[in-house]
């Protein structure tokens, strides 16, 4: 019978061992495992009749469990089934952190034919429709690339989970922004966020290191993905030479038939020729090098996505050791003082709100613009620093019992609530500033950032009350939703709308600034009377006349702006000089 004291010591030793011990000793057989258990005092004597004692059987089971790459979970030690998310298990704070090299996965499964065909389709579409602008072509290229990743993940035995679908659907929705809007900054943010969401869908990350580093995983798959795809292509070409040439001949015959009969029909009917010219890409020999570059970019990108889906990096295995816990007084006193400072500031803001701004301006000597502008930027920085303070406080917070946990939740919860009031005060400052001097792109952008920070603080509050395992993914999802809303609303359209309303109310407008806006602003600017309308739309008209993108590289906003300009022509004789600059930029 095994000594209880020894069993407890053995469990403690096992808790201190790395969860993924992959050393050479792990390849030893059962006899070696028994020898190690006996040398460590974990084995028991043989039972009568050659049967092993329970202690020795448990020792051999533990040694076998340590020889695998699966973490030893408490639930498994008690005989229960492992949780469904055992691959994403996080070590306890006292266990040794995994090395960075251990995030590397096992080798991917062989490339399937469906994956290679999807990669080829991605490369061809990239060569044909990319390079002439951004629009619906990004979605067109993303579809076969996503199919390549799906087939590769299916071959590797991976199944999509709810959060995987969230990242995938979110990435597709973000790619709709370039197809709908013309402004540059929303399009850039949407494309970058779509790539990040796609990488998160391929990796399946759920922790802070995973969410932060997961979007970088596609970069590490660029080289391995090409070698993996080339090896699979050679293997399949060598085993199916009899089926390759018939497929090549069939494709060649189909292309020839399309060219011959398409040319005949185009010459026979002008309407069909016009439709065919709009639908097919304009391919010329001069564009050959750029088309080849597009082909390579599409192939390499699709192979990187497929390789990541087949063998994703395990970013969730990176653990951050918690900081040394501080005493209650050392930790809580600075935060309590900070809470009191926030409360005093909020009390003054309420007094100003109910007492009026004229008295404050007369006492401080600031102008209306200076008071609103400077106050907003400083409150924005205060919100950002609060998030940093919360992260550092959680790292060094005391964690000895229920009392410490309640103190942490109370102090940080009060700080979050007070910060939300500061966010509201900052947005109120910006609203006052916009009412006085109009709206610009920069003001829309920083106000959007401030609102998103408020959402993050709300998520932190909820995580403090309900638990925060979902917090990293929720913060990333909220960032993607903010970028999507920012792109669909379009800052240029919002700037034009607000400034037209301001002109209708106060007859003040900055035509020079409105001429810099994209085609998203055309519907709002079309409501102005002449000569303001022609002056405001002159910049948009100039950009549209100099561009002739095909349908797949033209956004919906550009098409709508072309219709507006064509329906009501721009008056070139309009005098736009001296129409005012009242926006007080930036």
Protein backbone atom coordinates (compact mmCIF):
# COMPACT_ATOMS: atom_id res chain seq x y z
CA UNK A 1 0.00 0.00 0.00
CA UNK A 2 1.40 3.40 -1.01
CA UNK A 3 2.38 5.82 1.71
CA UNK A 4 -0.01 8.88 1.64
CA UNK A 5 2.87 11.22 2.42
CA UNK A 6 4.89 9.99 -0.52
CA UNK A 7 1.90 10.25 -2.81
CA UNK A 8 1.41 13.89 -1.86
CA UNK A 9 5.07 14.65 -2.45
CA UNK A 10 4.94 12.94 -5.82
CA UNK A 11 1.96 15.05 -6.90
CA UNK A 12 3.82 18.19 -5.90
CA UNK A 13 6.83 17.15 -7.95
CA UNK A 14 4.62 16.51 -10.93
CA UNK A 15 3.06 19.96 -10.57
CA UNK A 16 6.50 21.55 -10.86
CA UNK A 17 7.40 19.73 -14.08
CA UNK A 18 6.85 21.33 -17.49
CA UNK A 19 3.50 20.40 -18.98
CA UNK A 20 4.92 19.66 -22.43
CA UNK A 21 8.07 17.74 -21.57
CA UNK A 22 9.44 16.64 -24.93
CA UNK A 23 12.94 15.53 -23.96
CA UNK A 24 14.64 12.38 -25.19
CA UNK A 25 13.60 10.45 -22.09
CA UNK A 26 9.98 10.73 -23.16
CA UNK A 27 10.59 8.16 -25.89
CA UNK A 28 11.53 5.42 -23.43
CA UNK A 29 9.40 2.34 -23.07
CA UNK A 30 7.23 1.21 -20.15
CA UNK A 31 10.13 -0.59 -18.46
CA UNK A 32 12.19 2.61 -18.34
CA UNK A 33 9.20 4.49 -16.99
CA UNK A 34 8.86 1.91 -14.21
CA UNK A 35 12.56 2.26 -13.43
CA UNK A 36 12.28 6.00 -13.10
CA UNK A 37 9.23 5.67 -10.87
CA UNK A 38 11.02 3.16 -8.63
CA UNK A 39 14.11 5.39 -8.38
CA UNK A 40 11.97 8.34 -7.28
CA UNK A 41 10.20 6.35 -4.60
CA UNK A 42 6.87 6.37 -6.39
CA UNK A 43 6.47 2.67 -7.08
CA UNK A 44 5.03 0.02 -4.77
CA UNK A 45 5.93 -3.64 -4.17
CA UNK A 46 4.54 -6.38 -6.38
CA UNK A 47 1.25 -7.78 -5.22
CA UNK A 48 0.86 -11.51 -4.75
CA UNK A 49 0.54 -13.43 -7.96
CA UNK A 50 2.58 -11.00 -9.99
CA UNK A 51 -0.06 -8.21 -9.94
CA UNK A 52 1.16 -4.72 -9.46
CA UNK A 53 0.27 -2.67 -6.44
CA UNK A 54 -2.02 0.35 -6.96
CA UNK A 55 0.83 2.77 -6.20
CA UNK A 56 3.03 1.31 -8.94
CA UNK A 57 0.16 1.28 -11.44
CA UNK A 58 -0.53 4.93 -10.72
CA UNK A 59 3.22 5.67 -11.07
CA UNK A 60 3.36 4.05 -14.49
CA UNK A 61 0.25 5.98 -15.58
CA UNK A 62 1.80 9.26 -14.48
CA UNK A 63 5.04 8.47 -16.34
CA UNK A 64 3.08 7.64 -19.49
CA UNK A 65 1.12 10.88 -19.16
CA UNK A 66 4.33 12.87 -18.82
CA UNK A 67 5.77 11.23 -21.94
CA UNK A 68 3.06 12.82 -24.13
CA UNK A 69 2.84 16.45 -25.21
CA UNK A 70 -0.60 16.85 -23.58
CA UNK A 71 -0.62 18.92 -20.36
CA UNK A 72 -1.39 16.96 -17.20
CA UNK A 73 -4.66 18.40 -15.98
CA UNK A 74 -6.12 18.18 -12.51
CA UNK A 75 -9.34 16.88 -14.00
CA UNK A 76 -7.46 13.97 -15.63
CA UNK A 77 -5.76 13.06 -12.35
CA UNK A 78 -9.15 12.67 -10.72
CA UNK A 79 -10.26 10.26 -13.43
CA UNK A 80 -12.66 12.65 -15.22
CA UNK A 81 -12.65 13.41 -18.95
CA UNK A 82 -10.44 16.28 -20.16
CA UNK A 83 -12.19 19.59 -20.84
CA UNK A 84 -13.02 20.37 -24.48
CA UNK A 85 -10.45 23.18 -24.62
CA UNK A 86 -7.50 21.18 -23.26
CA UNK A 87 -5.27 22.39 -26.10
CA UNK A 88 -5.71 25.96 -24.90
CA UNK A 89 -5.05 25.11 -21.25
CA UNK A 90 -3.04 27.69 -19.34
CA UNK A 91 -0.45 26.60 -16.74
CA UNK A 92 -0.94 27.64 -13.16
CA UNK A 93 1.10 30.66 -11.99
CA UNK A 94 3.56 28.43 -10.15
CA UNK A 95 4.43 26.28 -13.15
CA UNK A 96 7.34 26.85 -15.49
CA UNK A 97 6.58 29.01 -18.54
CA UNK A 98 6.91 27.35 -21.90
CA UNK A 99 9.79 28.34 -24.11
CA UNK A 100 9.12 30.28 -27.26
CA UNK A 101 10.28 27.35 -29.40
CA UNK A 102 7.49 25.19 -28.01
CA UNK A 103 4.82 27.19 -29.82
CA UNK A 104 5.89 25.40 -33.00
CA UNK A 105 3.27 22.86 -34.12
CA UNK A 106 3.77 19.41 -35.56
CA UNK A 107 4.25 19.05 -39.31
CA UNK A 108 1.18 19.80 -41.42
CA UNK A 109 -0.80 17.13 -43.21
CA UNK A 110 -0.05 16.58 -46.92
CA UNK A 111 -1.58 19.06 -49.32
CA UNK A 112 -4.93 18.04 -50.73
CA UNK A 113 -5.83 18.54 -54.37
CA UNK A 114 -8.70 20.86 -53.37
CA UNK A 115 -6.22 23.08 -51.53
CA UNK A 116 -3.92 23.31 -54.56
CA UNK A 117 -6.80 24.16 -56.90
CA UNK A 118 -7.98 26.88 -54.50
CA UNK A 119 -4.45 28.31 -54.35
CA UNK A 120 -4.30 28.35 -58.15
CA UNK A 121 -7.66 30.13 -58.35
CA UNK A 122 -6.46 32.72 -55.83
CA UNK A 123 -3.28 33.34 -57.82
CA UNK A 124 -5.14 33.73 -61.13
CA UNK A 125 -7.72 36.09 -59.67
CA UNK A 126 -4.97 38.13 -58.01
CA UNK A 127 -3.21 38.50 -61.34
CA UNK A 128 -6.40 39.52 -63.13
CA UNK A 129 -8.32 41.80 -60.75
CA UNK A 130 -5.79 43.20 -58.28
CA UNK A 131 -3.55 46.15 -59.05
CA UNK A 132 -6.20 48.45 -60.58
CA UNK A 133 -7.69 49.74 -57.34
CA UNK A 134 -9.53 48.46 -54.30
CA UNK A 135 -13.14 47.44 -54.37
CA UNK A 136 -15.03 44.21 -54.72
CA UNK A 137 -11.84 42.54 -56.02
CA UNK A 138 -10.57 41.99 -52.48
CA UNK A 139 -13.62 39.89 -51.65
CA UNK A 140 -13.29 38.03 -54.96
CA UNK A 141 -9.69 37.05 -54.16
CA UNK A 142 -10.43 36.29 -50.50
CA UNK A 143 -13.05 33.61 -51.28
CA UNK A 144 -10.72 30.99 -52.89
CA UNK A 145 -7.99 31.80 -50.34
CA UNK A 146 -10.46 31.05 -47.55
CA UNK A 147 -11.43 27.81 -49.28
CA UNK A 148 -7.76 26.79 -49.45
CA UNK A 149 -7.42 27.35 -45.71
CA UNK A 150 -10.65 25.43 -45.05
CA UNK A 151 -9.57 22.38 -47.05
CA UNK A 152 -6.14 22.39 -45.36
CA UNK A 153 -7.70 22.61 -41.88
CA UNK A 154 -10.12 19.82 -42.76
CA UNK A 155 -7.22 17.59 -43.83
CA UNK A 156 -5.48 18.32 -40.52
CA UNK A 157 -8.58 17.29 -38.54
CA UNK A 158 -9.40 20.79 -37.28
CA UNK A 159 -13.02 21.80 -36.85
CA UNK A 160 -14.33 25.38 -36.71
CA UNK A 161 -15.41 26.66 -33.32
CA UNK A 162 -17.80 29.55 -32.55
CA UNK A 163 -15.01 32.11 -32.18
CA UNK A 164 -13.43 30.86 -35.40
CA UNK A 165 -16.66 31.70 -37.20
CA UNK A 166 -16.72 35.11 -35.51
CA UNK A 167 -13.25 35.94 -36.83
CA UNK A 168 -14.02 34.60 -40.31
CA UNK A 169 -17.34 36.43 -40.68
CA UNK A 170 -15.82 39.58 -39.23
CA UNK A 171 -12.94 39.48 -41.71
CA UNK A 172 -15.32 39.12 -44.65
CA UNK A 173 -17.47 41.97 -43.35
CA UNK A 174 -14.41 44.20 -43.06
CA UNK A 175 -13.51 43.52 -46.69
CA UNK A 176 -16.89 44.97 -47.64
CA UNK A 177 -15.67 48.44 -46.60
CA UNK A 178 -13.42 48.92 -49.69
CA UNK A 179 -16.29 47.74 -51.87
CA UNK A 180 -18.65 50.34 -50.40
CA UNK A 181 -16.51 53.33 -49.43
CA UNK A 182 -13.88 55.44 -51.17
CA UNK A 183 -12.04 57.12 -48.27
CA UNK A 184 -8.44 56.01 -47.82
CA UNK A 185 -8.04 55.69 -44.04
CA UNK A 186 -11.17 53.55 -43.42
CA UNK A 187 -10.16 51.29 -46.31
CA UNK A 188 -6.63 50.84 -44.97
CA UNK A 189 -7.85 50.07 -41.45
CA UNK A 190 -10.46 47.64 -42.76
CA UNK A 191 -7.94 45.68 -44.87
CA UNK A 192 -5.43 45.44 -42.02
CA UNK A 193 -8.13 44.39 -39.56
CA UNK A 194 -9.47 41.80 -42.01
CA UNK A 195 -5.99 40.25 -42.26
CA UNK A 196 -5.73 40.20 -38.47
CA UNK A 197 -9.15 38.58 -38.10
CA UNK A 198 -8.27 35.98 -40.73
CA UNK A 199 -5.08 35.10 -38.87
CA UNK A 200 -6.99 34.78 -35.59
CA UNK A 201 -9.48 32.47 -37.31
CA UNK A 202 -6.63 30.28 -38.55
CA UNK A 203 -4.82 30.15 -35.18
CA UNK A 204 -7.80 29.92 -32.82
CA UNK A 205 -6.17 32.09 -30.13
CA UNK A 206 -7.92 32.96 -26.90
CA UNK A 207 -5.33 34.44 -24.49
CA UNK A 208 -3.70 37.88 -24.46
CA UNK A 209 -0.41 36.63 -26.03
CA UNK A 210 -2.42 34.73 -28.61
CA UNK A 211 -4.62 37.68 -29.55
CA UNK A 212 -1.63 40.05 -29.70
CA UNK A 213 0.78 37.80 -31.61
CA UNK A 214 -1.74 35.69 -33.53
CA UNK A 215 -2.15 38.22 -36.38
CA UNK A 216 1.60 37.93 -37.00
CA UNK A 217 1.43 34.18 -37.56
CA UNK A 218 0.79 34.47 -41.30
CA UNK A 219 4.18 36.13 -41.74
CA UNK A 220 5.92 33.09 -40.30
CA UNK A 221 4.06 30.80 -42.71
CA UNK A 222 5.17 32.54 -45.92
CA UNK A 223 8.36 30.51 -46.42
CA UNK A 224 7.17 27.16 -44.99
CA UNK A 225 3.93 27.50 -46.94
CA UNK A 226 5.76 27.72 -50.27
CA UNK A 227 7.92 24.65 -49.55
CA UNK A 228 4.89 22.75 -48.28
CA UNK A 229 2.86 23.57 -51.39
CA UNK A 230 5.73 22.75 -53.75
CA UNK A 231 6.28 19.38 -52.08
CA UNK A 232 2.59 18.58 -52.35
CA UNK A 233 2.49 19.67 -55.98
CA UNK A 234 5.46 17.47 -56.89
CA UNK A 235 4.00 14.48 -55.06
CA UNK A 236 0.66 14.81 -56.83
CA UNK A 237 2.20 15.49 -60.22
CA UNK A 238 4.39 12.40 -59.93
CA UNK A 239 1.47 10.16 -58.99
CA UNK A 240 -1.08 11.45 -61.47
CA UNK A 241 0.78 12.18 -64.70
CA UNK A 242 -1.88 10.38 -66.66
CA UNK A 243 -4.57 12.76 -65.42
CA UNK A 244 -2.69 16.06 -65.68
CA UNK A 245 -2.40 16.34 -69.45
CA UNK A 246 -6.11 15.65 -70.16
CA UNK A 247 -7.01 18.41 -67.69
CA UNK A 248 -4.54 20.81 -69.33
CA UNK A 249 -5.92 20.03 -72.79
CA UNK A 250 -9.51 20.52 -71.59
CA UNK A 251 -8.71 23.94 -70.12
CA UNK A 252 -6.83 25.00 -73.25
CA UNK A 253 -9.72 23.99 -75.52
CA UNK A 254 -12.22 25.84 -73.30
CA UNK A 255 -10.13 29.02 -73.41
CA UNK A 256 -9.81 28.87 -77.19
CA UNK A 257 -13.57 28.39 -77.61
CA UNK A 258 -14.34 31.31 -75.32
CA UNK A 259 -11.96 33.61 -77.19
CA UNK A 260 -13.20 32.64 -80.66
CA UNK A 261 -16.94 32.75 -80.03
CA UNK A 262 -16.68 35.68 -77.63
CA UNK A 263 -14.97 37.72 -80.35
CA UNK A 264 -17.62 36.76 -82.92
CA UNK A 265 -20.51 37.70 -80.63
CA UNK A 266 -18.83 40.96 -79.60
CA UNK A 267 -18.46 41.97 -83.26
CA UNK A 268 -22.06 40.97 -83.96
CA UNK A 269 -23.69 43.06 -81.19
CA UNK A 270 -22.44 46.33 -79.70
CA UNK A 271 -24.40 45.88 -76.46
CA UNK A 272 -22.85 42.47 -75.87
CA UNK A 273 -19.41 43.88 -76.66
CA UNK A 274 -19.92 46.66 -74.12
CA UNK A 275 -21.08 44.19 -71.46
CA UNK A 276 -18.17 41.85 -72.20
CA UNK A 277 -15.71 44.74 -71.99
CA UNK A 278 -17.04 45.76 -68.58
CA UNK A 279 -16.99 42.25 -67.13
CA UNK A 280 -13.62 41.01 -68.38
CA UNK A 281 -10.32 42.44 -67.13
CA UNK A 282 -8.31 44.57 -69.51
CA UNK A 283 -5.19 42.45 -70.06
CA UNK A 284 -2.28 43.71 -72.15
CA UNK A 285 1.34 42.66 -72.72
CA UNK A 286 2.56 45.85 -71.03
CA UNK A 287 0.96 44.73 -67.78
CA UNK A 288 2.62 41.32 -67.93
CA UNK A 289 5.23 41.89 -65.20
CA UNK A 290 2.67 43.34 -62.80
CA UNK A 291 0.24 40.51 -63.52
CA UNK A 292 3.00 38.02 -62.76
CA UNK A 293 3.74 39.77 -59.46
CA UNK A 294 0.03 39.62 -58.62
CA UNK A 295 0.02 35.90 -59.41
CA UNK A 296 2.95 35.29 -57.06
CA UNK A 297 1.41 37.39 -54.29
CA UNK A 298 -1.87 35.49 -54.52
CA UNK A 299 -0.19 32.07 -54.58
CA UNK A 300 2.16 32.80 -51.68
CA UNK A 301 -0.59 34.38 -49.60
CA UNK A 302 -3.02 31.52 -50.16
CA UNK A 303 -0.32 28.93 -49.37
CA UNK A 304 0.58 30.80 -46.17
CA UNK A 305 -3.08 30.80 -45.09
CA UNK A 306 -3.47 27.10 -45.90
CA UNK A 307 -0.23 26.17 -44.10
CA UNK A 308 -1.35 28.14 -41.03
CA UNK A 309 -4.69 26.37 -41.05
CA UNK A 310 -2.97 22.98 -41.29
CA UNK A 311 -0.32 23.66 -38.62
CA UNK A 312 -1.00 26.87 -36.64
CA UNK A 313 1.49 28.30 -34.20
CA UNK A 314 0.40 27.73 -30.59
CA UNK A 315 0.64 31.31 -29.38
CA UNK A 316 -1.57 30.47 -26.40
CA UNK A 317 1.29 28.43 -24.94
CA UNK A 318 3.18 31.64 -24.21
CA UNK A 319 2.54 32.48 -20.57
CA UNK A 320 3.33 35.65 -18.67
CA UNK A 321 4.31 35.11 -15.08
CA UNK A 322 2.36 37.30 -12.66
CA UNK A 323 4.32 39.95 -10.82
CA UNK A 324 5.24 39.67 -7.18
CA UNK A 325 2.13 40.39 -5.15
CA UNK A 326 2.32 43.59 -3.12
CA UNK A 327 0.81 44.25 0.25
CA UNK A 328 -2.66 45.72 0.51
CA UNK A 329 -1.49 49.14 1.63
CA UNK A 330 1.34 49.32 -0.91
CA UNK A 331 -1.00 48.37 -3.74
CA UNK A 332 -4.33 49.95 -2.83
CA UNK A 333 -3.30 53.34 -1.44
CA UNK A 334 -2.07 54.84 -4.76
CA UNK A 335 -5.20 53.66 -6.55
CA UNK A 336 -7.51 55.03 -3.87
CA UNK A 337 -5.75 58.41 -4.15
CA UNK A 338 -6.18 58.23 -7.94
CA UNK A 339 -9.89 57.50 -7.49
CA UNK A 340 -10.26 60.56 -5.28
CA UNK A 341 -8.53 62.71 -7.90
CA UNK A 342 -10.90 61.42 -10.58
CA UNK A 343 -13.89 62.08 -8.34
CA UNK A 344 -12.75 65.68 -7.71
CA UNK A 345 -12.31 66.30 -11.44
CA UNK A 346 -15.75 64.90 -12.20
CA UNK A 347 -17.34 67.07 -9.50
CA UNK A 348 -15.81 70.17 -11.10
CA UNK A 349 -17.03 69.05 -14.53
CA UNK A 350 -20.57 68.73 -13.20
CA UNK A 351 -20.33 72.17 -11.64
CA UNK A 352 -19.18 73.65 -14.94
CA UNK A 353 -21.93 71.84 -16.80
CA UNK A 354 -24.66 73.27 -14.58
CA UNK A 355 -22.99 76.64 -13.94
CA UNK A 356 -22.15 77.49 -17.55
CA UNK A 357 -18.91 77.90 -19.48
CA UNK A 358 -18.77 81.70 -19.58
CA UNK A 359 -17.62 81.96 -15.98
CA UNK A 360 -14.92 79.33 -16.49
CA UNK A 361 -13.63 81.01 -19.64
CA UNK A 362 -13.47 84.41 -17.97
CA UNK A 363 -11.56 83.01 -14.99
CA UNK A 364 -9.08 80.91 -16.96
CA UNK A 365 -8.49 83.33 -19.83
CA UNK A 366 -8.93 80.56 -22.42
CA UNK A 367 -10.89 80.94 -25.61
CA UNK A 368 -13.79 78.64 -26.38
CA UNK A 369 -11.70 76.69 -28.92
CA UNK A 370 -8.72 76.31 -26.57
CA UNK A 371 -10.90 75.07 -23.72
CA UNK A 372 -12.64 72.44 -25.85
CA UNK A 373 -9.62 71.28 -27.86
CA UNK A 374 -7.02 71.03 -25.10
CA UNK A 375 -9.44 69.44 -22.70
CA UNK A 376 -10.33 66.68 -25.14
CA UNK A 377 -6.75 65.64 -25.88
CA UNK A 378 -5.78 65.57 -22.23
CA UNK A 379 -8.83 63.51 -21.31
CA UNK A 380 -8.04 61.10 -24.15
CA UNK A 381 -4.55 60.56 -22.74
CA UNK A 382 -6.04 60.10 -19.28
CA UNK A 383 -8.25 57.30 -20.61
CA UNK A 384 -5.30 55.54 -22.23
CA UNK A 385 -3.20 55.79 -19.08
CA UNK A 386 -6.03 54.33 -16.99
CA UNK A 387 -5.89 51.15 -19.08
CA UNK A 388 -2.15 50.95 -18.40
CA UNK A 389 -2.73 51.50 -14.68
CA UNK A 390 -5.34 48.72 -14.60
CA UNK A 391 -2.97 46.27 -16.31
CA UNK A 392 -0.10 47.02 -13.91
CA UNK A 393 -2.42 46.92 -10.90
CA UNK A 394 -3.72 43.49 -11.87
CA UNK A 395 -0.13 42.25 -12.21
CA UNK A 396 0.88 43.31 -8.69
CA UNK A 397 -2.45 42.98 -6.88
CA UNK A 398 -2.57 40.88 -3.69
CA UNK A 399 -4.12 37.45 -4.23
CA UNK A 400 -4.02 35.61 -0.92
CA UNK A 401 -7.73 35.09 -0.42
CA UNK A 402 -11.30 36.22 -0.92
CA UNK A 403 -10.65 39.49 0.88
CA UNK A 404 -7.88 40.47 -1.52
CA UNK A 405 -10.03 39.56 -4.52
CA UNK A 406 -12.90 41.72 -3.23
CA UNK A 407 -10.52 44.64 -2.64
CA UNK A 408 -9.11 44.38 -6.17
CA UNK A 409 -12.57 44.31 -7.73
CA UNK A 410 -13.79 47.23 -5.63
CA UNK A 411 -10.84 49.58 -6.23
CA UNK A 412 -10.48 48.85 -9.92
CA UNK A 413 -14.24 48.84 -10.46
CA UNK A 414 -14.55 52.35 -8.99
CA UNK A 415 -11.66 53.50 -11.19
CA UNK A 416 -13.38 52.10 -14.30
CA UNK A 417 -16.69 53.78 -13.48
CA UNK A 418 -14.99 57.13 -12.91
CA UNK A 419 -13.06 56.71 -16.16
CA UNK A 420 -16.33 56.22 -18.04
CA UNK A 421 -17.45 59.60 -16.76
CA UNK A 422 -14.17 61.08 -18.00
CA UNK A 423 -14.83 59.53 -21.42
CA UNK A 424 -18.26 61.16 -21.49
CA UNK A 425 -16.68 64.51 -20.52
CA UNK A 426 -14.12 64.21 -23.33
CA UNK A 427 -16.81 63.47 -25.91
CA UNK A 428 -18.81 66.42 -24.63
CA UNK A 429 -15.78 68.68 -25.13
CA UNK A 430 -15.44 67.46 -28.71
CA UNK A 431 -19.15 68.03 -29.37
CA UNK A 432 -18.86 71.63 -28.19
CA UNK A 433 -15.83 72.16 -30.37
CA UNK A 434 -17.57 70.73 -33.45
CA UNK A 435 -20.64 72.90 -32.87
CA UNK A 436 -18.44 75.99 -32.87
CA UNK A 437 -15.91 75.20 -35.62
CA UNK A 438 -17.25 72.30 -37.67
CA UNK A 439 -16.19 68.68 -38.14
CA UNK A 440 -12.95 67.33 -39.66
CA UNK A 441 -11.56 63.86 -40.33
CA UNK A 442 -9.19 64.10 -37.39
CA UNK A 443 -11.98 65.03 -34.99
CA UNK A 444 -14.09 62.12 -36.16
CA UNK A 445 -11.16 59.71 -35.79
CA UNK A 446 -10.11 60.71 -32.27
CA UNK A 447 -13.73 60.76 -31.08
CA UNK A 448 -14.14 57.21 -32.46
CA UNK A 449 -11.01 56.11 -30.58
CA UNK A 450 -12.35 57.62 -27.36
CA UNK A 451 -15.67 55.81 -27.74
CA UNK A 452 -13.90 52.50 -28.36
CA UNK A 453 -11.80 53.01 -25.24
CA UNK A 454 -15.04 53.48 -23.34
CA UNK A 455 -16.27 50.14 -24.69
CA UNK A 456 -13.03 48.47 -23.56
CA UNK A 457 -13.49 49.86 -20.04
CA UNK A 458 -17.04 48.50 -19.96
CA UNK A 459 -15.72 45.07 -20.98
CA UNK A 460 -13.14 45.25 -18.18
CA UNK A 461 -15.90 46.05 -15.70
CA UNK A 462 -17.95 43.06 -16.85
CA UNK A 463 -14.88 40.81 -16.76
CA UNK A 464 -14.17 41.88 -13.18
CA UNK A 465 -17.66 40.82 -12.16
CA UNK A 466 -18.10 37.63 -14.23
CA UNK A 467 -14.55 36.43 -14.96
CA UNK A 468 -12.25 37.42 -17.77
CA UNK A 469 -11.29 34.37 -19.85
CA UNK A 470 -13.25 35.85 -22.75
CA UNK A 471 -11.82 39.38 -22.36
CA UNK A 472 -8.90 39.18 -24.89
CA UNK A 473 -11.15 37.96 -27.67
CA UNK A 474 -13.90 40.41 -26.75
CA UNK A 475 -11.48 43.36 -26.90
CA UNK A 476 -10.20 42.22 -30.32
CA UNK A 477 -13.76 41.73 -31.58
CA UNK A 478 -14.76 45.19 -30.34
CA UNK A 479 -11.78 46.71 -32.17
CA UNK A 480 -12.87 45.02 -35.40
CA UNK A 481 -16.47 46.15 -34.90
CA UNK A 482 -15.25 49.72 -34.34
CA UNK A 483 -13.19 49.64 -37.55
CA UNK A 484 -16.19 48.22 -39.44
CA UNK A 485 -18.53 50.92 -38.12
CA UNK A 486 -15.92 53.60 -38.83
CA UNK A 487 -15.65 52.42 -42.42
CA UNK A 488 -19.36 51.99 -43.10
CA UNK A 489 -20.28 55.37 -41.62
CA UNK A 490 -17.33 56.94 -43.47
CA UNK A 491 -15.68 59.95 -41.81
CA UNK A 492 -15.78 61.90 -45.09
CA UNK A 493 -19.53 61.42 -45.45
CA UNK A 494 -20.06 62.41 -41.81
CA UNK A 495 -17.83 65.50 -42.17
CA UNK A 496 -19.74 66.65 -45.24
CA UNK A 497 -23.12 66.04 -43.62
CA UNK A 498 -22.31 67.93 -40.43
CA UNK A 499 -20.73 70.87 -42.24
CA UNK A 500 -23.63 71.21 -44.64
CA UNK A 501 -26.01 71.24 -41.66
CA UNK A 502 -23.81 73.84 -39.98
CA UNK A 503 -23.91 76.00 -43.13
CA UNK A 504 -27.69 75.79 -43.27
CA UNK A 505 -27.79 76.95 -39.67
CA UNK A 506 -25.01 79.57 -39.51
CA UNK A 507 -23.99 80.18 -43.18
CA UNK A 508 -20.36 79.30 -42.36
CA UNK A 509 -18.45 76.76 -44.42
CA UNK A 510 -14.90 75.89 -45.46
CA UNK A 511 -14.99 75.06 -49.17
CA UNK A 512 -11.22 74.52 -49.39
CA UNK A 513 -11.39 71.70 -46.86
CA UNK A 514 -14.49 70.11 -48.40
CA UNK A 515 -12.70 69.88 -51.76
CA UNK A 516 -10.23 67.44 -50.16
CA UNK A 517 -12.93 64.89 -49.27
CA UNK A 518 -13.45 61.60 -51.10
CA UNK A 519 -16.42 60.47 -53.16
CA UNK A 520 -18.19 59.41 -49.96
CA UNK A 521 -19.07 63.08 -49.37
CA UNK A 522 -20.79 63.66 -52.73
CA UNK A 523 -24.46 63.08 -51.65
CA UNK A 524 -24.21 65.59 -48.78
CA UNK A 525 -22.31 68.21 -50.81
CA UNK A 526 -24.88 67.92 -53.59
CA UNK A 527 -27.42 69.61 -51.30
CA UNK A 528 -25.52 72.91 -51.36
CA UNK A 529 -26.66 75.74 -53.58
CA UNK A 530 -24.57 77.17 -56.40
CA UNK A 531 -21.78 78.22 -56.54
CA UNK A 532 -20.97 76.37 -53.30
CA UNK A 533 -22.07 73.06 -54.76
CA UNK A 534 -19.77 73.25 -57.81
CA UNK A 535 -16.88 74.46 -55.67
CA UNK A 536 -17.30 71.68 -53.10
CA UNK A 537 -17.67 68.93 -55.73
CA UNK A 538 -14.80 70.19 -57.88
CA UNK A 539 -12.20 68.03 -56.11
CA UNK A 540 -14.33 64.90 -56.35
CA UNK A 541 -15.08 65.57 -60.02
CA UNK A 542 -11.39 66.04 -60.76
CA UNK A 543 -10.48 62.70 -59.11
CA UNK A 544 -13.24 60.80 -60.89
CA UNK A 545 -12.34 62.14 -64.31
CA UNK A 546 -8.73 61.06 -63.91
CA UNK A 547 -9.64 57.46 -63.02
CA UNK A 548 -11.33 54.74 -65.06
CA UNK A 549 -11.31 51.66 -62.88
CA UNK A 550 -13.25 48.52 -63.87
CA UNK A 551 -16.34 47.45 -61.98
CA UNK A 552 -14.47 45.17 -59.57
CA UNK A 553 -12.07 47.97 -58.54
CA UNK A 554 -14.73 50.69 -58.13
CA UNK A 555 -16.51 51.30 -54.85
CA UNK A 556 -20.22 51.96 -54.51
CA UNK A 557 -19.49 55.51 -53.33
CA UNK A 558 -17.50 56.22 -56.51
CA UNK A 559 -20.32 54.93 -58.70
CA UNK A 560 -22.86 57.05 -56.84
CA UNK A 561 -20.64 60.15 -57.08
CA UNK A 562 -20.28 59.65 -60.84
CA UNK A 563 -24.05 59.57 -61.19
CA UNK A 564 -24.41 62.77 -59.15
CA UNK A 565 -21.78 64.63 -61.17
CA UNK A 566 -23.19 63.39 -64.49
CA UNK A 567 -26.77 64.25 -63.57
CA UNK A 568 -25.96 67.77 -62.38
CA UNK A 569 -22.83 68.96 -64.08
CA UNK A 570 -20.20 71.00 -62.29
CA UNK A 571 -20.17 74.68 -63.26
CA UNK A 572 -16.53 75.41 -64.24
CA UNK A 573 -17.12 79.17 -64.11
CA UNK A 574 -17.83 79.17 -60.36
CA UNK A 575 -15.62 81.49 -58.33
CA UNK A 576 -14.50 79.57 -55.25
CA UNK A 577 -11.90 81.98 -53.90
CA UNK A 578 -12.71 83.65 -50.58
CA UNK A 579 -15.66 81.47 -49.56
CA UNK A 580 -14.33 81.10 -46.01
CA UNK A 581 -12.24 78.86 -43.78
CA UNK A 582 -14.04 78.61 -40.46
CA UNK A 583 -13.11 75.07 -39.42
CA UNK A 584 -10.17 76.21 -37.26
CA UNK A 585 -8.23 73.11 -38.23
CA UNK A 586 -7.10 70.53 -37.30
